[in-house]
Amino acid sequence: MRSVSAAVVAWLFFIFMEETSVAEKIRVGFVSPGPGLSAPWIAKETGGFIRYGLDADVILLPGSPRLVQSLIAGDVHFALVGAAAVMRARMRGADVVILGASTNVSSQKLVVNPTSGIRKLEDLKGRVIGVSQYGSDADGFARAALGRAGLKPEKDVAILQLGGHPQVAAALVAGKLDAGVLGGLALVTAQKSGFAKADGRHRRRTGSYALRRICRAL
């Protein structure tokens, strides 16, 4: 009887140890490929998640409002996403929490078509600016910049949401936009295609001091 009891205890102990050794499955979403949002991908590729007992699926989902909706719905457990969309969801009663930040400066930059003739913010009147999604950090950046120039979104300047930074970059390259707000690798793509980052560091003489100053300050 003792041998049977010992065998049962050993079997239960083995099962318990096997269950506790299985990595916890989680899903991590990130909004855009870029240095500031690369931590989940690096942790995945270097085995960082596994070392801490986590089996992570790292998912790219462009558009901060869309990713926050997925977070609220439980489709992802953690997200690297624009703060504006999280705060807006929180103010509307959603149970989401900001645990930390990957940067203390905005990654958004206003990019203008070098053939558009835009030299200052006021030149954006009557033009079209592309952003990832309404309610995103890019959208907020564009609206704040226009407000500094006394321009009213929708009335003086059209703001068009295209789904994500890659889509905004593609529309700029295709000549469908006069300007766009970009970040991450999409910004690099636009610059390589000859578009000017209006923050004063790009060599192209496409923006006035006023335009560069606004983009730095936000």
N, C-alpha and C. Protein backbone atom coordinates (compact mmCIF):
# COMPACT_ATOMS: atom_id res chain seq x y z
N MET A 1 0.83 -1.21 0.00
CA MET A 1 0.00 0.00 0.00
C MET A 1 0.86 1.25 0.00
N ARG A 2 1.95 1.20 0.79
CA ARG A 2 2.83 2.36 0.84
C ARG A 2 3.47 2.64 -0.52
N SER A 3 3.82 1.55 -1.22
CA SER A 3 4.44 1.72 -2.53
C SER A 3 3.47 2.33 -3.52
N VAL A 4 2.19 1.92 -3.43
CA VAL A 4 1.17 2.48 -4.31
C VAL A 4 0.97 3.95 -4.00
N SER A 5 0.89 4.30 -2.72
CA SER A 5 0.71 5.70 -2.32
C SER A 5 1.89 6.54 -2.78
N ALA A 6 3.09 5.98 -2.63
CA ALA A 6 4.27 6.71 -3.05
C ALA A 6 4.27 6.94 -4.55
N ALA A 7 3.80 5.92 -5.29
CA ALA A 7 3.73 6.05 -6.75
C ALA A 7 2.73 7.11 -7.16
N VAL A 8 1.59 7.17 -6.46
CA VAL A 8 0.56 8.17 -6.76
C VAL A 8 1.08 9.57 -6.48
N VAL A 9 1.74 9.72 -5.33
CA VAL A 9 2.30 11.03 -4.97
C VAL A 9 3.35 11.47 -5.99
N ALA A 10 4.21 10.53 -6.41
CA ALA A 10 5.24 10.84 -7.39
C ALA A 10 4.62 11.24 -8.72
N TRP A 11 3.57 10.55 -9.10
CA TRP A 11 2.89 10.84 -10.36
C TRP A 11 2.25 12.23 -10.32
N LEU A 12 1.58 12.56 -9.21
CA LEU A 12 0.95 13.87 -9.06
C LEU A 12 2.01 14.98 -9.05
N PHE A 13 3.14 14.71 -8.40
CA PHE A 13 4.22 15.70 -8.35
C PHE A 13 4.77 15.95 -9.76
N PHE A 14 4.91 14.87 -10.53
CA PHE A 14 5.41 14.99 -11.90
C PHE A 14 4.46 15.82 -12.76
N ILE A 15 3.15 15.54 -12.63
CA ILE A 15 2.15 16.28 -13.40
C ILE A 15 2.17 17.75 -13.02
N PHE A 16 2.24 18.03 -11.71
CA PHE A 16 2.27 19.41 -11.24
C PHE A 16 3.48 20.16 -11.77
N MET A 17 4.63 19.52 -11.72
CA MET A 17 5.86 20.16 -12.19
C MET A 17 5.80 20.41 -13.68
N GLU A 18 5.21 19.48 -14.43
CA GLU A 18 5.12 19.63 -15.88
C GLU A 18 4.20 20.78 -16.24
N GLU A 19 3.08 20.92 -15.49
CA GLU A 19 2.14 21.98 -15.77
C GLU A 19 2.73 23.36 -15.44
N THR A 20 3.45 23.42 -14.34
CA THR A 20 4.02 24.71 -13.94
C THR A 20 5.20 25.11 -14.81
N SER A 21 5.81 24.14 -15.50
CA SER A 21 6.95 24.46 -16.34
C SER A 21 6.55 24.94 -17.73
N VAL A 22 5.27 24.78 -18.08
CA VAL A 22 4.79 25.23 -19.38
C VAL A 22 4.73 26.76 -19.38
N ALA A 23 5.31 27.37 -20.42
CA ALA A 23 5.34 28.83 -20.50
C ALA A 23 3.94 29.39 -20.66
N GLU A 24 3.68 30.50 -20.00
CA GLU A 24 2.38 31.17 -20.09
C GLU A 24 2.24 31.82 -21.46
N LYS A 25 1.12 31.56 -22.11
CA LYS A 25 0.87 32.07 -23.44
C LYS A 25 0.32 33.49 -23.36
N ILE A 26 0.98 34.45 -24.03
CA ILE A 26 0.49 35.82 -24.08
C ILE A 26 0.57 36.35 -25.50
N ARG A 27 -0.20 37.40 -25.77
CA ARG A 27 -0.17 38.07 -27.07
C ARG A 27 0.17 39.55 -26.84
N VAL A 28 1.19 39.99 -27.54
CA VAL A 28 1.67 41.37 -27.40
C VAL A 28 1.52 42.08 -28.74
N GLY A 29 0.82 43.20 -28.74
CA GLY A 29 0.64 43.95 -29.97
C GLY A 29 1.51 45.19 -30.00
N PHE A 30 2.00 45.56 -31.18
CA PHE A 30 2.71 46.83 -31.32
C PHE A 30 2.19 47.53 -32.56
N VAL A 31 2.18 48.86 -32.49
CA VAL A 31 1.43 49.63 -33.47
C VAL A 31 2.20 49.94 -34.74
N SER A 32 3.53 49.96 -34.66
CA SER A 32 4.32 50.34 -35.84
C SER A 32 5.74 49.82 -35.70
N PRO A 33 6.34 49.34 -36.78
CA PRO A 33 7.74 48.91 -36.72
C PRO A 33 8.65 50.12 -36.61
N GLY A 34 9.50 50.13 -35.64
CA GLY A 34 10.40 51.25 -35.43
C GLY A 34 11.21 51.04 -34.16
N PRO A 35 12.32 51.75 -34.00
CA PRO A 35 13.20 51.56 -32.84
C PRO A 35 12.49 51.70 -31.50
N GLY A 36 11.62 52.69 -31.38
CA GLY A 36 10.95 52.92 -30.10
C GLY A 36 9.93 51.87 -29.73
N LEU A 37 9.54 51.05 -30.71
CA LEU A 37 8.51 50.03 -30.46
C LEU A 37 9.04 48.63 -30.70
N SER A 38 10.35 48.48 -30.71
CA SER A 38 10.96 47.20 -31.08
C SER A 38 11.17 46.24 -29.91
N ALA A 39 10.90 46.68 -28.68
CA ALA A 39 11.19 45.84 -27.51
C ALA A 39 10.52 44.46 -27.57
N PRO A 40 9.23 44.34 -27.91
CA PRO A 40 8.63 43.00 -27.97
C PRO A 40 9.28 42.09 -29.00
N TRP A 41 9.59 42.66 -30.17
CA TRP A 41 10.22 41.87 -31.24
C TRP A 41 11.60 41.39 -30.80
N ILE A 42 12.38 42.28 -30.16
CA ILE A 42 13.71 41.90 -29.69
C ILE A 42 13.61 40.80 -28.63
N ALA A 43 12.67 40.98 -27.70
CA ALA A 43 12.48 39.97 -26.64
C ALA A 43 12.08 38.62 -27.24
N LYS A 44 11.27 38.66 -28.28
CA LYS A 44 10.84 37.43 -28.94
C LYS A 44 12.01 36.74 -29.64
N GLU A 45 12.78 37.51 -30.40
CA GLU A 45 13.86 36.94 -31.19
C GLU A 45 15.05 36.48 -30.34
N THR A 46 15.28 37.11 -29.22
CA THR A 46 16.43 36.77 -28.37
C THR A 46 16.08 35.80 -27.26
N GLY A 47 14.82 35.37 -27.19
CA GLY A 47 14.42 34.42 -26.16
C GLY A 47 14.15 35.04 -24.80
N GLY A 48 14.00 36.36 -24.76
CA GLY A 48 13.75 37.04 -23.50
C GLY A 48 12.44 36.64 -22.86
N PHE A 49 11.40 36.47 -23.65
CA PHE A 49 10.11 36.05 -23.10
C PHE A 49 10.20 34.66 -22.48
N ILE A 50 10.83 33.75 -23.19
CA ILE A 50 10.93 32.37 -22.72
C ILE A 50 11.70 32.29 -21.40
N ARG A 51 12.74 33.09 -21.27
CA ARG A 51 13.53 33.08 -20.04
C ARG A 51 12.70 33.44 -18.81
N TYR A 52 11.65 34.18 -19.03
CA TYR A 52 10.78 34.57 -17.92
C TYR A 52 9.46 33.80 -17.93
N GLY A 53 9.46 32.66 -18.61
CA GLY A 53 8.30 31.78 -18.58
C GLY A 53 7.12 32.24 -19.41
N LEU A 54 7.38 32.97 -20.48
CA LEU A 54 6.32 33.49 -21.33
C LEU A 54 6.50 33.02 -22.77
N ASP A 55 5.42 32.53 -23.33
CA ASP A 55 5.39 32.15 -24.74
C ASP A 55 4.59 33.22 -25.46
N ALA A 56 5.27 34.17 -26.08
CA ALA A 56 4.61 35.37 -26.61
C ALA A 56 4.43 35.33 -28.11
N ASP A 57 3.24 35.69 -28.55
CA ASP A 57 2.98 36.00 -29.95
C ASP A 57 3.06 37.51 -30.09
N VAL A 58 3.95 37.99 -30.93
CA VAL A 58 4.12 39.43 -31.13
C VAL A 58 3.44 39.81 -32.44
N ILE A 59 2.47 40.71 -32.35
CA ILE A 59 1.58 40.99 -33.48
C ILE A 59 1.67 42.47 -33.86
N LEU A 60 1.89 42.75 -35.14
CA LEU A 60 1.85 44.12 -35.65
C LEU A 60 0.42 44.46 -36.03
N LEU A 61 -0.12 45.52 -35.42
CA LEU A 61 -1.48 45.97 -35.73
C LEU A 61 -1.47 47.50 -35.85
N PRO A 62 -1.34 48.03 -37.06
CA PRO A 62 -1.23 49.48 -37.25
C PRO A 62 -2.48 50.23 -36.78
N GLY A 63 -2.26 51.44 -36.29
CA GLY A 63 -3.36 52.28 -35.84
C GLY A 63 -3.60 52.13 -34.35
N SER A 64 -3.21 53.14 -33.56
CA SER A 64 -3.35 53.04 -32.11
C SER A 64 -4.79 52.81 -31.64
N PRO A 65 -5.78 53.56 -32.16
CA PRO A 65 -7.16 53.31 -31.72
C PRO A 65 -7.59 51.86 -31.97
N ARG A 66 -7.21 51.31 -33.11
CA ARG A 66 -7.56 49.92 -33.43
C ARG A 66 -6.90 48.95 -32.46
N LEU A 67 -5.63 49.18 -32.16
CA LEU A 67 -4.91 48.30 -31.24
C LEU A 67 -5.46 48.40 -29.83
N VAL A 68 -5.84 49.59 -29.40
CA VAL A 68 -6.45 49.75 -28.07
C VAL A 68 -7.78 49.00 -28.01
N GLN A 69 -8.55 49.03 -29.08
CA GLN A 69 -9.80 48.28 -29.13
C GLN A 69 -9.53 46.78 -28.99
N SER A 70 -8.48 46.30 -29.62
CA SER A 70 -8.11 44.89 -29.51
C SER A 70 -7.67 44.55 -28.09
N LEU A 71 -7.00 45.49 -27.44
CA LEU A 71 -6.58 45.31 -26.06
C LEU A 71 -7.79 45.21 -25.14
N ILE A 72 -8.75 46.10 -25.32
CA ILE A 72 -9.96 46.09 -24.51
C ILE A 72 -10.76 44.81 -24.73
N ALA A 73 -10.79 44.34 -25.97
CA ALA A 73 -11.55 43.13 -26.30
C ALA A 73 -10.85 41.86 -25.83
N GLY A 74 -9.57 41.97 -25.41
CA GLY A 74 -8.84 40.80 -24.96
C GLY A 74 -8.14 40.04 -26.05
N ASP A 75 -8.11 40.60 -27.26
CA ASP A 75 -7.41 39.94 -28.37
C ASP A 75 -5.90 39.97 -28.15
N VAL A 76 -5.41 40.99 -27.46
CA VAL A 76 -4.01 41.04 -27.04
C VAL A 76 -4.00 41.35 -25.54
N HIS A 77 -2.93 40.92 -24.87
CA HIS A 77 -2.83 41.13 -23.43
C HIS A 77 -2.03 42.38 -23.08
N PHE A 78 -1.07 42.71 -23.92
CA PHE A 78 -0.25 43.90 -23.72
C PHE A 78 -0.09 44.59 -25.07
N ALA A 79 0.16 45.90 -25.05
CA ALA A 79 0.30 46.63 -26.31
C ALA A 79 1.27 47.78 -26.16
N LEU A 80 2.13 47.96 -27.18
CA LEU A 80 2.93 49.17 -27.31
C LEU A 80 2.19 50.05 -28.31
N VAL A 81 1.65 51.14 -27.81
CA VAL A 81 0.66 51.88 -28.56
C VAL A 81 0.76 53.35 -28.19
N GLY A 82 0.21 54.22 -29.04
CA GLY A 82 0.20 55.65 -28.76
C GLY A 82 -0.59 55.98 -27.50
N ALA A 83 -0.04 56.88 -26.69
CA ALA A 83 -0.67 57.20 -25.41
C ALA A 83 -2.03 57.87 -25.57
N ALA A 84 -2.20 58.67 -26.62
CA ALA A 84 -3.45 59.41 -26.79
C ALA A 84 -4.65 58.47 -26.88
N ALA A 85 -4.52 57.39 -27.62
CA ALA A 85 -5.63 56.45 -27.77
C ALA A 85 -5.95 55.76 -26.45
N VAL A 86 -4.91 55.46 -25.66
CA VAL A 86 -5.12 54.82 -24.36
C VAL A 86 -5.84 55.77 -23.41
N MET A 87 -5.38 57.00 -23.35
CA MET A 87 -6.00 57.98 -22.44
C MET A 87 -7.45 58.26 -22.84
N ARG A 88 -7.71 58.32 -24.14
CA ARG A 88 -9.09 58.56 -24.59
C ARG A 88 -9.99 57.40 -24.19
N ALA A 89 -9.49 56.17 -24.34
CA ALA A 89 -10.27 55.01 -23.95
C ALA A 89 -10.51 54.99 -22.44
N ARG A 90 -9.49 55.37 -21.67
CA ARG A 90 -9.61 55.42 -20.21
C ARG A 90 -10.66 56.43 -19.78
N MET A 91 -10.68 57.60 -20.41
CA MET A 91 -11.64 58.64 -20.07
C MET A 91 -13.07 58.21 -20.41
N ARG A 92 -13.18 57.27 -21.34
CA ARG A 92 -14.51 56.77 -21.70
C ARG A 92 -14.91 55.54 -20.89
N GLY A 93 -14.09 55.20 -19.87
CA GLY A 93 -14.47 54.13 -18.97
C GLY A 93 -13.80 52.79 -19.20
N ALA A 94 -12.93 52.69 -20.18
CA ALA A 94 -12.27 51.41 -20.45
C ALA A 94 -11.23 51.11 -19.37
N ASP A 95 -11.09 49.85 -19.03
CA ASP A 95 -10.16 49.44 -17.98
C ASP A 95 -8.80 49.13 -18.59
N VAL A 96 -8.10 50.16 -19.01
CA VAL A 96 -6.75 50.02 -19.56
C VAL A 96 -5.79 50.86 -18.73
N VAL A 97 -4.56 50.40 -18.61
CA VAL A 97 -3.58 51.06 -17.76
C VAL A 97 -2.26 51.21 -18.51
N ILE A 98 -1.65 52.38 -18.41
CA ILE A 98 -0.31 52.59 -18.99
C ILE A 98 0.72 52.15 -17.95
N LEU A 99 1.51 51.14 -18.29
CA LEU A 99 2.51 50.60 -17.38
C LEU A 99 3.86 51.29 -17.50
N GLY A 100 4.15 51.83 -18.64
CA GLY A 100 5.45 52.48 -18.86
C GLY A 100 5.48 53.11 -20.23
N ALA A 101 6.59 53.74 -20.55
CA ALA A 101 6.75 54.41 -21.84
C ALA A 101 8.10 54.04 -22.44
N SER A 102 8.12 53.92 -23.75
CA SER A 102 9.37 53.57 -24.43
C SER A 102 10.18 54.80 -24.81
N THR A 103 9.58 55.99 -24.72
CA THR A 103 10.29 57.23 -25.04
C THR A 103 9.61 58.39 -24.34
N ASN A 104 10.33 59.47 -24.12
CA ASN A 104 9.75 60.64 -23.47
C ASN A 104 9.59 61.81 -24.44
N VAL A 105 9.69 61.53 -25.73
CA VAL A 105 9.46 62.56 -26.76
C VAL A 105 8.55 61.96 -27.83
N SER A 106 7.89 62.81 -28.56
CA SER A 106 7.01 62.34 -29.63
C SER A 106 7.83 61.78 -30.79
N SER A 107 7.37 60.68 -31.31
CA SER A 107 8.04 60.07 -32.47
C SER A 107 7.42 60.55 -33.78
N GLN A 108 6.38 61.39 -33.68
CA GLN A 108 5.66 61.83 -34.87
C GLN A 108 6.39 63.01 -35.53
N LYS A 109 6.44 62.99 -36.85
CA LYS A 109 7.05 64.07 -37.62
C LYS A 109 6.14 64.43 -38.79
N LEU A 110 6.08 65.72 -39.06
CA LEU A 110 5.32 66.20 -40.21
C LEU A 110 6.22 66.14 -41.44
N VAL A 111 5.78 65.42 -42.45
CA VAL A 111 6.56 65.23 -43.68
C VAL A 111 5.80 65.91 -44.83
N VAL A 112 6.53 66.67 -45.63
CA VAL A 112 5.88 67.38 -46.73
C VAL A 112 6.48 66.94 -48.07
N ASN A 113 5.64 66.96 -49.06
CA ASN A 113 6.08 66.67 -50.42
C ASN A 113 6.98 67.82 -50.90
N PRO A 114 8.20 67.53 -51.36
CA PRO A 114 9.12 68.60 -51.79
C PRO A 114 8.60 69.41 -52.98
N THR A 115 7.60 68.90 -53.69
CA THR A 115 7.04 69.63 -54.82
C THR A 115 5.74 70.35 -54.47
N SER A 116 5.35 70.29 -53.19
CA SER A 116 4.06 70.85 -52.79
C SER A 116 4.06 72.35 -52.64
N GLY A 117 5.24 72.95 -52.50
CA GLY A 117 5.31 74.39 -52.29
C GLY A 117 5.06 74.80 -50.85
N ILE A 118 4.94 73.85 -49.95
CA ILE A 118 4.70 74.16 -48.54
C ILE A 118 6.00 74.62 -47.89
N ARG A 119 5.99 75.84 -47.34
CA ARG A 119 7.17 76.41 -46.71
C ARG A 119 6.92 76.76 -45.24
N LYS A 120 5.67 76.89 -44.87
CA LYS A 120 5.31 77.18 -43.49
C LYS A 120 3.95 76.56 -43.20
N LEU A 121 3.60 76.50 -41.94
CA LEU A 121 2.35 75.84 -41.55
C LEU A 121 1.14 76.46 -42.25
N GLU A 122 1.16 77.78 -42.40
CA GLU A 122 0.03 78.45 -43.03
C GLU A 122 -0.19 77.96 -44.47
N ASP A 123 0.86 77.46 -45.11
CA ASP A 123 0.75 76.96 -46.48
C ASP A 123 -0.08 75.68 -46.57
N LEU A 124 -0.37 75.09 -45.43
CA LEU A 124 -1.18 73.86 -45.42
C LEU A 124 -2.66 74.14 -45.66
N LYS A 125 -3.06 75.40 -45.62
CA LYS A 125 -4.47 75.73 -45.82
C LYS A 125 -4.93 75.24 -47.20
N GLY A 126 -6.04 74.53 -47.20
CA GLY A 126 -6.57 73.99 -48.44
C GLY A 126 -5.93 72.69 -48.90
N ARG A 127 -4.97 72.18 -48.11
CA ARG A 127 -4.26 70.96 -48.48
C ARG A 127 -4.84 69.75 -47.73
N VAL A 128 -4.22 68.60 -47.99
CA VAL A 128 -4.64 67.34 -47.36
C VAL A 128 -3.46 66.76 -46.58
N ILE A 129 -3.69 66.45 -45.31
CA ILE A 129 -2.68 65.81 -44.47
C ILE A 129 -3.13 64.39 -44.17
N GLY A 130 -2.25 63.44 -44.35
CA GLY A 130 -2.56 62.05 -44.06
C GLY A 130 -2.09 61.66 -42.66
N VAL A 131 -2.92 60.90 -41.94
CA VAL A 131 -2.56 60.38 -40.63
C VAL A 131 -2.93 58.90 -40.59
N SER A 132 -2.43 58.21 -39.59
CA SER A 132 -2.73 56.77 -39.48
C SER A 132 -4.20 56.53 -39.21
N GLN A 133 -4.70 57.07 -38.09
CA GLN A 133 -6.11 56.94 -37.74
C GLN A 133 -6.56 58.15 -36.95
N TYR A 134 -7.83 58.46 -37.04
CA TYR A 134 -8.38 59.51 -36.19
C TYR A 134 -8.28 59.07 -34.73
N GLY A 135 -7.84 59.98 -33.88
CA GLY A 135 -7.68 59.65 -32.47
C GLY A 135 -6.31 59.11 -32.13
N SER A 136 -5.44 58.95 -33.11
CA SER A 136 -4.09 58.45 -32.87
C SER A 136 -3.17 59.60 -32.47
N ASP A 137 -1.93 59.25 -32.08
CA ASP A 137 -0.94 60.28 -31.78
C ASP A 137 -0.66 61.14 -33.01
N ALA A 138 -0.64 60.51 -34.19
CA ALA A 138 -0.40 61.26 -35.43
C ALA A 138 -1.52 62.27 -35.68
N ASP A 139 -2.74 61.86 -35.44
CA ASP A 139 -3.89 62.75 -35.61
C ASP A 139 -3.80 63.92 -34.64
N GLY A 140 -3.49 63.63 -33.37
CA GLY A 140 -3.36 64.69 -32.38
C GLY A 140 -2.22 65.65 -32.71
N PHE A 141 -1.12 65.10 -33.21
CA PHE A 141 0.04 65.91 -33.60
C PHE A 141 -0.36 66.88 -34.72
N ALA A 142 -1.05 66.36 -35.73
CA ALA A 142 -1.45 67.19 -36.87
C ALA A 142 -2.38 68.31 -36.43
N ARG A 143 -3.35 67.97 -35.59
CA ARG A 143 -4.33 68.98 -35.14
C ARG A 143 -3.66 70.05 -34.27
N ALA A 144 -2.73 69.64 -33.42
CA ALA A 144 -2.03 70.61 -32.58
C ALA A 144 -1.18 71.55 -33.42
N ALA A 145 -0.49 71.01 -34.43
CA ALA A 145 0.34 71.83 -35.31
C ALA A 145 -0.51 72.83 -36.08
N LEU A 146 -1.65 72.38 -36.59
CA LEU A 146 -2.53 73.28 -37.33
C LEU A 146 -3.07 74.38 -36.42
N GLY A 147 -3.39 74.01 -35.19
CA GLY A 147 -3.89 75.00 -34.24
C GLY A 147 -2.88 76.09 -33.96
N ARG A 148 -1.59 75.73 -33.93
CA ARG A 148 -0.55 76.74 -33.72
C ARG A 148 -0.53 77.77 -34.85
N ALA A 149 -0.95 77.36 -36.02
CA ALA A 149 -0.94 78.27 -37.17
C ALA A 149 -2.30 78.94 -37.37
N GLY A 150 -3.23 78.70 -36.44
CA GLY A 150 -4.55 79.30 -36.56
C GLY A 150 -5.43 78.63 -37.59
N LEU A 151 -5.09 77.42 -37.98
CA LEU A 151 -5.87 76.68 -38.98
C LEU A 151 -6.79 75.69 -38.28
N LYS A 152 -7.98 75.53 -38.83
CA LYS A 152 -8.96 74.62 -38.25
C LYS A 152 -9.03 73.34 -39.07
N PRO A 153 -8.79 72.19 -38.40
CA PRO A 153 -8.91 70.91 -39.09
C PRO A 153 -10.32 70.74 -39.68
N GLU A 154 -10.39 70.08 -40.81
CA GLU A 154 -11.61 69.83 -41.55
C GLU A 154 -12.12 71.08 -42.28
N LYS A 155 -11.99 72.26 -41.66
CA LYS A 155 -12.45 73.49 -42.32
C LYS A 155 -11.36 74.07 -43.21
N ASP A 156 -10.17 74.26 -42.66
CA ASP A 156 -9.08 74.84 -43.44
C ASP A 156 -8.17 73.79 -44.06
N VAL A 157 -8.05 72.66 -43.37
CA VAL A 157 -7.16 71.59 -43.84
C VAL A 157 -7.88 70.26 -43.68
N ALA A 158 -7.84 69.46 -44.72
CA ALA A 158 -8.45 68.13 -44.66
C ALA A 158 -7.48 67.14 -44.02
N ILE A 159 -7.96 66.37 -43.05
CA ILE A 159 -7.15 65.32 -42.43
C ILE A 159 -7.75 63.99 -42.84
N LEU A 160 -6.94 63.17 -43.46
CA LEU A 160 -7.42 61.91 -44.02
C LEU A 160 -6.75 60.74 -43.29
N GLN A 161 -7.54 59.83 -42.72
CA GLN A 161 -6.98 58.65 -42.07
C GLN A 161 -6.82 57.53 -43.09
N LEU A 162 -5.65 56.88 -43.04
CA LEU A 162 -5.33 55.86 -44.04
C LEU A 162 -5.06 54.50 -43.44
N GLY A 163 -5.14 54.37 -42.11
CA GLY A 163 -5.01 53.05 -41.50
C GLY A 163 -3.73 52.82 -40.73
N GLY A 164 -2.62 53.38 -41.19
CA GLY A 164 -1.33 53.18 -40.52
C GLY A 164 -0.26 54.02 -41.18
N HIS A 165 0.90 54.11 -40.52
CA HIS A 165 2.00 54.90 -41.07
C HIS A 165 2.47 54.38 -42.43
N PRO A 166 2.57 53.07 -42.65
CA PRO A 166 2.99 52.60 -43.98
C PRO A 166 2.07 53.07 -45.09
N GLN A 167 0.78 53.11 -44.81
CA GLN A 167 -0.18 53.56 -45.82
C GLN A 167 -0.03 55.06 -46.10
N VAL A 168 0.26 55.83 -45.04
CA VAL A 168 0.49 57.27 -45.24
C VAL A 168 1.74 57.49 -46.08
N ALA A 169 2.80 56.75 -45.78
CA ALA A 169 4.04 56.88 -46.55
C ALA A 169 3.81 56.51 -48.01
N ALA A 170 3.06 55.44 -48.25
CA ALA A 170 2.78 55.02 -49.63
C ALA A 170 1.99 56.08 -50.39
N ALA A 171 1.03 56.72 -49.71
CA ALA A 171 0.22 57.76 -50.36
C ALA A 171 1.07 58.98 -50.67
N LEU A 172 2.02 59.31 -49.79
CA LEU A 172 2.93 60.42 -50.06
C LEU A 172 3.79 60.14 -51.29
N VAL A 173 4.34 58.94 -51.34
CA VAL A 173 5.21 58.56 -52.46
C VAL A 173 4.43 58.56 -53.77
N ALA A 174 3.15 58.17 -53.69
CA ALA A 174 2.31 58.11 -54.89
C ALA A 174 1.79 59.50 -55.31
N GLY A 175 2.09 60.53 -54.50
CA GLY A 175 1.65 61.88 -54.84
C GLY A 175 0.21 62.17 -54.51
N LYS A 176 -0.40 61.35 -53.65
CA LYS A 176 -1.81 61.55 -53.30
C LYS A 176 -2.00 62.47 -52.10
N LEU A 177 -0.90 62.83 -51.42
CA LEU A 177 -0.97 63.70 -50.26
C LEU A 177 0.03 64.85 -50.40
N ASP A 178 -0.33 66.00 -49.83
CA ASP A 178 0.60 67.12 -49.77
C ASP A 178 1.53 66.99 -48.57
N ALA A 179 1.03 66.39 -47.50
CA ALA A 179 1.80 66.23 -46.27
C ALA A 179 1.23 65.06 -45.49
N GLY A 180 2.02 64.57 -44.57
CA GLY A 180 1.56 63.46 -43.73
C GLY A 180 2.34 63.44 -42.43
N VAL A 181 1.75 62.84 -41.41
CA VAL A 181 2.43 62.67 -40.13
C VAL A 181 2.89 61.23 -40.04
N LEU A 182 4.20 61.05 -39.86
CA LEU A 182 4.79 59.72 -39.88
C LEU A 182 5.69 59.49 -38.67
N GLY A 183 5.98 58.23 -38.42
CA GLY A 183 6.93 57.84 -37.40
C GLY A 183 7.49 56.48 -37.74
N GLY A 184 8.56 56.08 -37.05
CA GLY A 184 9.13 54.75 -37.24
C GLY A 184 9.73 54.56 -38.62
N LEU A 185 9.68 53.32 -39.10
CA LEU A 185 10.29 52.98 -40.38
C LEU A 185 9.59 53.65 -41.56
N ALA A 186 8.31 53.96 -41.41
CA ALA A 186 7.60 54.65 -42.48
C ALA A 186 8.20 56.02 -42.73
N LEU A 187 8.66 56.67 -41.68
CA LEU A 187 9.33 57.97 -41.83
C LEU A 187 10.62 57.82 -42.63
N VAL A 188 11.37 56.78 -42.32
CA VAL A 188 12.62 56.52 -43.05
C VAL A 188 12.33 56.25 -44.53
N THR A 189 11.27 55.49 -44.79
CA THR A 189 10.89 55.18 -46.16
C THR A 189 10.56 56.45 -46.94
N ALA A 190 9.81 57.35 -46.32
CA ALA A 190 9.44 58.59 -46.99
C ALA A 190 10.66 59.46 -47.26
N GLN A 191 11.56 59.52 -46.29
CA GLN A 191 12.77 60.33 -46.48
C GLN A 191 13.63 59.79 -47.62
N LYS A 192 13.74 58.46 -47.69
CA LYS A 192 14.54 57.87 -48.76
C LYS A 192 13.92 58.14 -50.13
N SER A 193 12.62 58.41 -50.15
CA SER A 193 11.94 58.70 -51.41
C SER A 193 11.98 60.18 -51.74
N GLY A 194 12.69 60.97 -50.92
CA GLY A 194 12.89 62.38 -51.22
C GLY A 194 11.98 63.33 -50.49
N PHE A 195 11.20 62.83 -49.52
CA PHE A 195 10.31 63.71 -48.78
C PHE A 195 11.03 64.32 -47.59
N ALA A 196 10.65 65.55 -47.25
CA ALA A 196 11.34 66.31 -46.23
C ALA A 196 10.69 66.15 -44.87
N LYS A 197 11.49 65.86 -43.87
CA LYS A 197 11.03 65.84 -42.48
C LYS A 197 11.13 67.26 -41.96
N ALA A 198 10.02 67.85 -41.70
CA ALA A 198 9.99 69.28 -41.37
C ALA A 198 10.30 69.52 -39.89
N ASP A 199 11.53 69.17 -39.48
CA ASP A 199 11.90 69.42 -38.09
C ASP A 199 13.23 70.15 -37.98
N GLY A 200 13.75 70.64 -39.11
CA GLY A 200 14.95 71.45 -39.06
C GLY A 200 16.24 70.68 -39.22
N ARG A 201 16.17 69.34 -39.19
CA ARG A 201 17.40 68.56 -39.30
C ARG A 201 17.63 68.02 -40.71
N HIS A 202 16.57 68.03 -41.52
CA HIS A 202 16.71 67.53 -42.88
C HIS A 202 17.39 68.58 -43.76
N ARG A 203 18.19 68.14 -44.70
CA ARG A 203 18.98 69.08 -45.52
C ARG A 203 18.15 69.83 -46.54
N ARG A 204 17.02 69.25 -46.93
CA ARG A 204 16.21 69.92 -47.94
C ARG A 204 15.64 71.22 -47.38
N ARG A 205 15.66 72.24 -48.19
CA ARG A 205 15.14 73.53 -47.76
C ARG A 205 13.66 73.60 -48.14
N THR A 206 12.84 72.84 -47.42
CA THR A 206 11.43 72.76 -47.79
C THR A 206 10.51 73.41 -46.78
N GLY A 207 11.04 73.86 -45.64
CA GLY A 207 10.15 74.42 -44.64
C GLY A 207 10.75 75.65 -44.00
N SER A 208 9.90 76.58 -43.60
CA SER A 208 10.39 77.77 -42.92
C SER A 208 10.73 77.44 -41.48
N TYR A 209 11.33 78.40 -40.78
CA TYR A 209 11.66 78.20 -39.37
C TYR A 209 10.41 77.92 -38.57
N ALA A 210 9.29 78.60 -38.91
CA ALA A 210 8.05 78.41 -38.16
C ALA A 210 7.59 76.97 -38.23
N LEU A 211 7.66 76.39 -39.41
CA LEU A 211 7.23 75.01 -39.60
C LEU A 211 8.13 74.06 -38.81
N ARG A 212 9.43 74.28 -38.88
CA ARG A 212 10.36 73.40 -38.16
C ARG A 212 10.18 73.55 -36.65
N ARG A 213 9.99 74.76 -36.19
CA ARG A 213 9.88 75.01 -34.75
C ARG A 213 8.65 74.32 -34.17
N ILE A 214 7.55 74.39 -34.88
CA ILE A 214 6.32 73.77 -34.39
C ILE A 214 6.52 72.27 -34.25
N CYS A 215 7.13 71.64 -35.23
CA CYS A 215 7.29 70.19 -35.20
C CYS A 215 8.26 69.74 -34.12
N ARG A 216 9.16 70.57 -33.73
CA ARG A 216 10.06 70.24 -32.64
C ARG A 216 9.35 70.35 -31.30
N ALA A 217 8.50 71.37 -31.17
CA ALA A 217 7.92 71.69 -29.88
C ALA A 217 6.87 70.68 -29.45
N LEU A 218 6.22 70.02 -30.39
CA LEU A 218 5.11 69.12 -30.04
C LEU A 218 5.60 67.73 -29.65
